[in-house]
C-alpha atoms as a PDB file:
ATOM      1  CA  MET A   1     -78.744  14.459-119.772  1.00  0.00           C
ATOM      2  CA  GLN A   2     -77.290  10.943-119.977  1.00  0.00           C
ATOM      3  CA  LYS A   3     -75.077   9.726-117.160  1.00  0.00           C
ATOM      4  CA  ILE A   4     -71.696   8.158-117.802  1.00  0.00           C
ATOM      5  CA  PHE A   5     -69.339   6.418-115.412  1.00  0.00           C
ATOM      6  CA  VAL A   6     -65.734   7.613-115.489  1.00  0.00           C
ATOM      7  CA  THR A   7     -62.844   5.806-113.837  1.00  0.00           C
ATOM      8  CA  GLY A   8     -59.538   7.630-113.528  1.00  0.00           C
ATOM      9  CA  GLY A   9     -61.293  10.948-113.814  1.00  0.00           C
ATOM     10  CA  THR A  10     -58.944  12.887-111.532  1.00  0.00           C
ATOM     11  CA  GLY A  11     -55.557  12.567-113.277  1.00  0.00           C
ATOM     12  CA  GLY A  12     -54.165  14.745-116.053  1.00  0.00           C
ATOM     13  CA  LEU A  13     -56.102  13.004-118.811  1.00  0.00           C
ATOM     14  CA  GLY A  14     -59.145  12.337-116.642  1.00  0.00           C
ATOM     15  CA  THR A  15     -59.630  15.910-115.488  1.00  0.00           C
ATOM     16  CA  PHE A  16     -59.484  17.160-119.073  1.00  0.00           C
ATOM     17  CA  VAL A  17     -61.835  14.483-120.431  1.00  0.00           C
ATOM     18  CA  VAL A  18     -64.392  14.901-117.637  1.00  0.00           C
ATOM     19  CA  ASP A  19     -64.452  18.653-118.219  1.00  0.00           C
ATOM     20  CA  ALA A  20     -64.843  18.165-121.988  1.00  0.00           C
ATOM     21  CA  LEU A  21     -67.598  15.555-121.670  1.00  0.00           C
ATOM     22  CA  SER A  22     -69.522  17.326-118.904  1.00  0.00           C
ATOM     23  CA  HIS A  23     -71.081  19.643-121.489  1.00  0.00           C
ATOM     24  CA  ASP A  24     -72.938  16.681-123.024  1.00  0.00           C
ATOM     25  CA  TYR A  25     -73.070  14.119-120.193  1.00  0.00           C
ATOM     26  CA  GLU A  26     -73.478  13.943-116.462  1.00  0.00           C
ATOM     27  CA  CYS A  27     -70.124  12.437-115.461  1.00  0.00           C
ATOM     28  CA  VAL A  28     -70.184  10.153-112.431  1.00  0.00           C
ATOM     29  CA  VAL A  29     -66.499  10.033-111.463  1.00  0.00           C
ATOM     30  CA  LEU A  30     -65.790   6.879-109.496  1.00  0.00           C
ATOM     31  CA  GLY A  31     -62.980   6.078-107.087  1.00  0.00           C
ATOM     32  CA  ARG A  32     -61.196   2.747-106.760  1.00  0.00           C
ATOM     33  CA  ASP A  33     -64.108   1.376-104.708  1.00  0.00           C
ATOM     34  CA  LEU A  34     -66.437   1.904-107.723  1.00  0.00           C
ATOM     35  CA  ALA A  35     -69.307   2.643-105.330  1.00  0.00           C
ATOM     36  CA  THR A  36     -72.390   4.011-107.074  1.00  0.00           C
ATOM     37  CA  ASP A  37     -76.150   3.671-106.864  1.00  0.00           C
ATOM     38  CA  VAL A  38     -76.622   4.749-110.500  1.00  0.00           C
ATOM     39  CA  ASN A  39     -78.302   2.270-112.836  1.00  0.00           C
ATOM     40  CA  GLY A  40     -79.073   2.719-116.515  1.00  0.00           C
ATOM     41  CA  ALA A  41     -75.973   4.801-117.284  1.00  0.00           C
ATOM     42  CA  HIS A  42     -75.185   5.364-120.963  1.00  0.00           C
ATOM     43  CA  ALA A  43     -71.480   4.580-120.792  1.00  0.00           C
ATOM     44  CA  LEU A  44     -68.333   3.606-118.971  1.00  0.00           C
ATOM     45  CA  VAL A  45     -65.285   5.688-119.870  1.00  0.00           C
ATOM     46  CA  HIS A  46     -62.357   3.799-118.370  1.00  0.00           C
ATOM     47  CA  LEU A  47     -59.423   6.196-118.051  1.00  0.00           C
ATOM     48  CA  ALA A  48     -57.798   4.604-114.997  1.00  0.00           C
ATOM     49  CA  GLY A  49     -54.383   3.094-115.470  1.00  0.00           C
ATOM     50  CA  GLY A  50     -50.706   3.496-114.844  1.00  0.00           C
ATOM     51  CA  PHE A  51     -47.332   3.679-116.526  1.00  0.00           C
ATOM     52  CA  GLY A  52     -44.163   2.018-115.306  1.00  0.00           C
ATOM     53  CA  THR A  53     -41.998  -1.078-115.290  1.00  0.00           C
ATOM     54  CA  ASP A  54     -43.111  -2.830-112.081  1.00  0.00           C
ATOM     55  CA  TRP A  55     -45.080  -5.930-113.064  1.00  0.00           C
ATOM     56  CA  THR A  56     -47.322  -6.070-110.004  1.00  0.00           C
ATOM     57  CA  LYS A  57     -48.235  -2.388-110.181  1.00  0.00           C
ATOM     58  CA  MET A  58     -48.880  -2.469-113.933  1.00  0.00           C
ATOM     59  CA  LEU A  59     -51.030  -5.601-113.791  1.00  0.00           C
ATOM     60  CA  ASP A  60     -53.057  -4.096-110.952  1.00  0.00           C
ATOM     61  CA  ALA A  61     -53.426  -0.642-112.519  1.00  0.00           C
ATOM     62  CA  ASN A  62     -54.031  -1.622-116.132  1.00  0.00           C
ATOM     63  CA  ILE A  63     -55.893  -4.925-116.157  1.00  0.00           C
ATOM     64  CA  ALA A  64     -56.996  -6.003-112.665  1.00  0.00           C
ATOM     65  CA  PHE A  65     -58.756  -2.704-111.997  1.00  0.00           C
ATOM     66  CA  ALA A  66     -60.234  -2.651-115.516  1.00  0.00           C
ATOM     67  CA  ALA A  67     -61.672  -6.139-114.993  1.00  0.00           C
ATOM     68  CA  LYS A  68     -63.062  -5.050-111.614  1.00  0.00           C
ATOM     69  CA  ALA A  69     -64.619  -1.944-113.192  1.00  0.00           C
ATOM     70  CA  PHE A  70     -66.171  -3.939-116.045  1.00  0.00           C
ATOM     71  CA  ASP A  71     -67.578  -6.511-113.585  1.00  0.00           C
ATOM     72  CA  ALA A  72     -69.051  -3.845-111.309  1.00  0.00           C
ATOM     73  CA  LEU A  73     -70.343  -1.361-113.883  1.00  0.00           C
ATOM     74  CA  VAL A  74     -71.410  -3.264-117.006  1.00  0.00           C
ATOM     75  CA  PRO A  75     -74.539  -4.596-115.249  1.00  0.00           C
ATOM     76  CA  ARG A  76     -75.431  -0.955-114.483  1.00  0.00           C
ATOM     77  CA  LEU A  77     -75.208   0.156-118.141  1.00  0.00           C
ATOM     78  CA  ALA A  78     -78.309   0.629-120.255  1.00  0.00           C
ATOM     79  CA  ASP A  79     -78.748  -1.612-123.271  1.00  0.00           C
ATOM     80  CA  GLY A  80     -77.343   0.210-126.292  1.00  0.00           C
ATOM     81  CA  GLY A  81     -74.679   1.811-124.114  1.00  0.00           C
ATOM     82  CA  ARG A  82     -70.998   2.358-124.683  1.00  0.00           C
ATOM     83  CA  ILE A  83     -67.659   1.434-123.142  1.00  0.00           C
ATOM     84  CA  VAL A  84     -64.488   3.282-124.083  1.00  0.00           C
ATOM     85  CA  ALA A  85     -61.172   2.353-122.468  1.00  0.00           C
ATOM     86  CA  ILE A  86     -57.779   3.997-122.733  1.00  0.00           C
ATOM     87  CA  SER A  87     -55.056   1.535-123.655  1.00  0.00           C
ATOM     88  CA  SER A  88     -51.767   2.417-125.343  1.00  0.00           C
ATOM     89  CA  TYR A  89     -50.082   2.554-128.733  1.00  0.00           C
ATOM     90  CA  ALA A  90     -47.185   0.778-126.986  1.00  0.00           C
ATOM     91  CA  THR A  91     -49.193  -2.435-127.484  1.00  0.00           C
ATOM     92  CA  ILE A  92     -48.450  -1.981-131.200  1.00  0.00           C
ATOM     93  CA  SER A  93     -44.964  -0.418-131.083  1.00  0.00           C
ATOM     94  CA  LYS A  94     -43.744  -2.621-128.184  1.00  0.00           C
ATOM     95  CA  PRO A  95     -40.853  -0.437-126.963  1.00  0.00           C
ATOM     96  CA  ALA A  96     -37.915  -2.111-125.233  1.00  0.00           C
ATOM     97  CA  GLY A  97     -37.909  -1.963-121.450  1.00  0.00           C
ATOM     98  CA  LEU A  98     -41.677  -1.644-121.035  1.00  0.00           C
ATOM     99  CA  GLY A  99     -42.689  -5.303-120.883  1.00  0.00           C
ATOM    100  CA  ALA A 100     -44.906  -4.936-117.815  1.00  0.00           C
ATOM    101  CA  TYR A 101     -46.703  -1.910-119.202  1.00  0.00           C
ATOM    102  CA  VAL A 102     -47.156  -3.364-122.693  1.00  0.00           C
ATOM    103  CA  ALA A 103     -48.344  -6.743-121.413  1.00  0.00           C
ATOM    104  CA  SER A 104     -50.856  -5.177-119.021  1.00  0.00           C
ATOM    105  CA  LYS A 105     -52.286  -2.884-121.712  1.00  0.00           C
ATOM    106  CA  ALA A 106     -52.380  -5.788-124.203  1.00  0.00           C
ATOM    107  CA  ALA A 107     -54.464  -7.682-121.658  1.00  0.00           C
ATOM    108  CA  LEU A 108     -56.801  -4.659-121.508  1.00  0.00           C
ATOM    109  CA  ASN A 109     -57.082  -4.820-125.310  1.00  0.00           C
ATOM    110  CA  ALA A 110     -58.098  -8.476-125.051  1.00  0.00           C
ATOM    111  CA  LEU A 111     -60.703  -7.601-122.406  1.00  0.00           C
ATOM    112  CA  VAL A 112     -62.134  -4.972-124.765  1.00  0.00           C
ATOM    113  CA  GLU A 113     -62.294  -7.352-127.725  1.00  0.00           C
ATOM    114  CA  VAL A 114     -63.901 -10.187-125.733  1.00  0.00           C
ATOM    115  CA  SER A 115     -66.337  -7.821-124.006  1.00  0.00           C
ATOM    116  CA  ALA A 116     -67.434  -6.447-127.385  1.00  0.00           C
ATOM    117  CA  LYS A 117     -68.517  -9.950-128.365  1.00  0.00           C
ATOM    118  CA  GLN A 118     -70.104 -10.719-124.999  1.00  0.00           C
ATOM    119  CA  LEU A 119     -72.104  -7.472-124.910  1.00  0.00           C
ATOM    120  CA  ALA A 120     -73.241  -7.507-128.544  1.00  0.00           C
ATOM    121  CA  SER A 121     -76.619  -8.979-127.594  1.00  0.00           C
ATOM    122  CA  ARG A 122     -77.208  -5.885-125.398  1.00  0.00           C
ATOM    123  CA  ARG A 123     -76.013  -3.588-128.221  1.00  0.00           C
ATOM    124  CA  ILE A 124     -73.287  -2.224-125.953  1.00  0.00           C
ATOM    125  CA  THR A 125     -70.259  -1.180-127.969  1.00  0.00           C
ATOM    126  CA  VAL A 126     -66.798  -1.667-126.472  1.00  0.00           C
ATOM    127  CA  ASN A 127     -63.719   0.050-127.876  1.00  0.00           C
ATOM    128  CA  ALA A 128     -60.236   1.066-126.763  1.00  0.00           C
ATOM    129  CA  LEU A 129     -58.188   4.066-127.757  1.00  0.00           C
ATOM    130  CA  LEU A 130     -54.467   3.446-128.185  1.00  0.00           C
ATOM    131  CA  PRO A 131     -52.795   6.836-127.819  1.00  0.00           C
ATOM    132  CA  SER A 132     -49.056   7.299-128.027  1.00  0.00           C
ATOM    133  CA  SER A 133     -47.621   9.739-125.463  1.00  0.00           C
ATOM    134  CA  LEU A 134     -50.300  12.087-124.201  1.00  0.00           C
ATOM    135  CA  ASP A 135     -49.932  15.839-123.793  1.00  0.00           C
ATOM    136  CA  THR A 136     -50.516  15.753-120.031  1.00  0.00           C
ATOM    137  CA  PRO A 137     -48.822  17.955-117.417  1.00  0.00           C
ATOM    138  CA  ALA A 138     -46.620  14.991-116.458  1.00  0.00           C
ATOM    139  CA  MET A 139     -45.217  14.928-120.019  1.00  0.00           C
ATOM    140  CA  GLN A 140     -44.534  18.681-120.392  1.00  0.00           C
ATOM    141  CA  ASP A 141     -40.744  18.222-120.396  1.00  0.00           C
ATOM    142  CA  SER A 142     -40.810  15.449-122.988  1.00  0.00           C
ATOM    143  CA  LYS A 143     -39.344  16.220-126.405  1.00  0.00           C
ATOM    144  CA  GLU A 144     -41.374  13.558-128.231  1.00  0.00           C
ATOM    145  CA  PRO A 145     -44.593  14.444-130.079  1.00  0.00           C
ATOM    146  CA  ARG A 146     -47.690  14.001-127.942  1.00  0.00           C
ATOM    147  CA  VAL A 147     -51.369  13.408-128.615  1.00  0.00           C
ATOM    148  CA  PRO A 148     -53.408  16.506-127.682  1.00  0.00           C
ATOM    149  CA  LEU A 149     -55.948  15.830-124.943  1.00  0.00           C
ATOM    150  CA  ASP A 150     -58.706  17.544-126.902  1.00  0.00           C
ATOM    151  CA  ARG A 151     -58.243  14.915-129.641  1.00  0.00           C
ATOM    152  CA  VAL A 152     -58.645  12.141-127.062  1.00  0.00           C
ATOM    153  CA  ALA A 153     -61.789  13.763-125.657  1.00  0.00           C
ATOM    154  CA  ALA A 154     -63.243  14.312-129.147  1.00  0.00           C
ATOM    155  CA  THR A 155     -62.665  10.680-130.076  1.00  0.00           C
ATOM    156  CA  ILE A 156     -64.289   9.502-126.861  1.00  0.00           C
ATOM    157  CA  ARG A 157     -67.245  11.825-127.496  1.00  0.00           C
ATOM    158  CA  PHE A 158     -67.629  10.373-131.000  1.00  0.00           C
ATOM    159  CA  LEU A 159     -67.539   6.779-129.697  1.00  0.00           C
ATOM    160  CA  LEU A 160     -70.212   7.635-127.111  1.00  0.00           C
ATOM    161  CA  GLY A 161     -72.554   8.993-129.774  1.00  0.00           C
ATOM    162  CA  ASP A 162     -75.107   7.460-132.112  1.00  0.00           C
ATOM    163  CA  ASP A 163     -72.820   7.754-135.153  1.00  0.00           C
ATOM    164  CA  ALA A 164     -70.513   5.144-133.585  1.00  0.00           C
ATOM    165  CA  ALA A 165     -73.243   2.582-132.866  1.00  0.00           C
ATOM    166  CA  SER A 166     -71.709   0.091-135.323  1.00  0.00           C
ATOM    167  CA  ILE A 167     -68.125   0.419-134.077  1.00  0.00           C
ATOM    168  CA  THR A 168     -67.269  -2.234-131.532  1.00  0.00           C
ATOM    169  CA  GLY A 169     -64.233  -4.296-130.629  1.00  0.00           C
ATOM    170  CA  GLY A 170     -62.021  -1.569-132.044  1.00  0.00           C
ATOM    171  CA  LEU A 171     -58.452  -0.902-130.962  1.00  0.00           C
ATOM    172  CA  ILE A 172     -58.077   2.601-132.327  1.00  0.00           C
ATOM    173  CA  PRO A 173     -54.591   4.171-132.514  1.00  0.00           C
ATOM    174  CA  LEU A 174     -54.289   7.886-131.723  1.00  0.00           C
ATOM    175  CA  LEU A 175     -51.039   9.446-132.911  1.00  0.00           C
ATOM    176  CA  PRO A 176     -49.749  13.053-132.692  1.00  0.00           C
END
């Protein structure tokens, strides 16, 4: 069974995705220290992030930690591996009042696109999913339509598989 690294694997989205992927992959859920002795993993599934309006917190949660995770874990990925990151549809819709969140997720998108080019020689694909509001426990009281978590997990599973070997540098919207 192939091993995959998962950041942010303990939140509402992360718990669901880890459970869904654990049928096909051995999920190595990493904390903020990113400590692991695993080499040759098949993928990095970067679910860690945050939502809010505080610039410092959003930059740390959504881009600084992503850059740290990429730096620490990409050298541990097998050639031909996969990276899938969770960004946000807000980088397309750009809602008022969410400048810090949108800017930090847009920076994550740029990291994904540049990394796809940098890792092409190793045949590592790098893509980001851009879901709108997710159907997590934290959003249960929301009246707006939400993306089902099983759809997120299924899309990640597809991007980890052989059928997605030619998809890289993608910023893939996921809508309800």
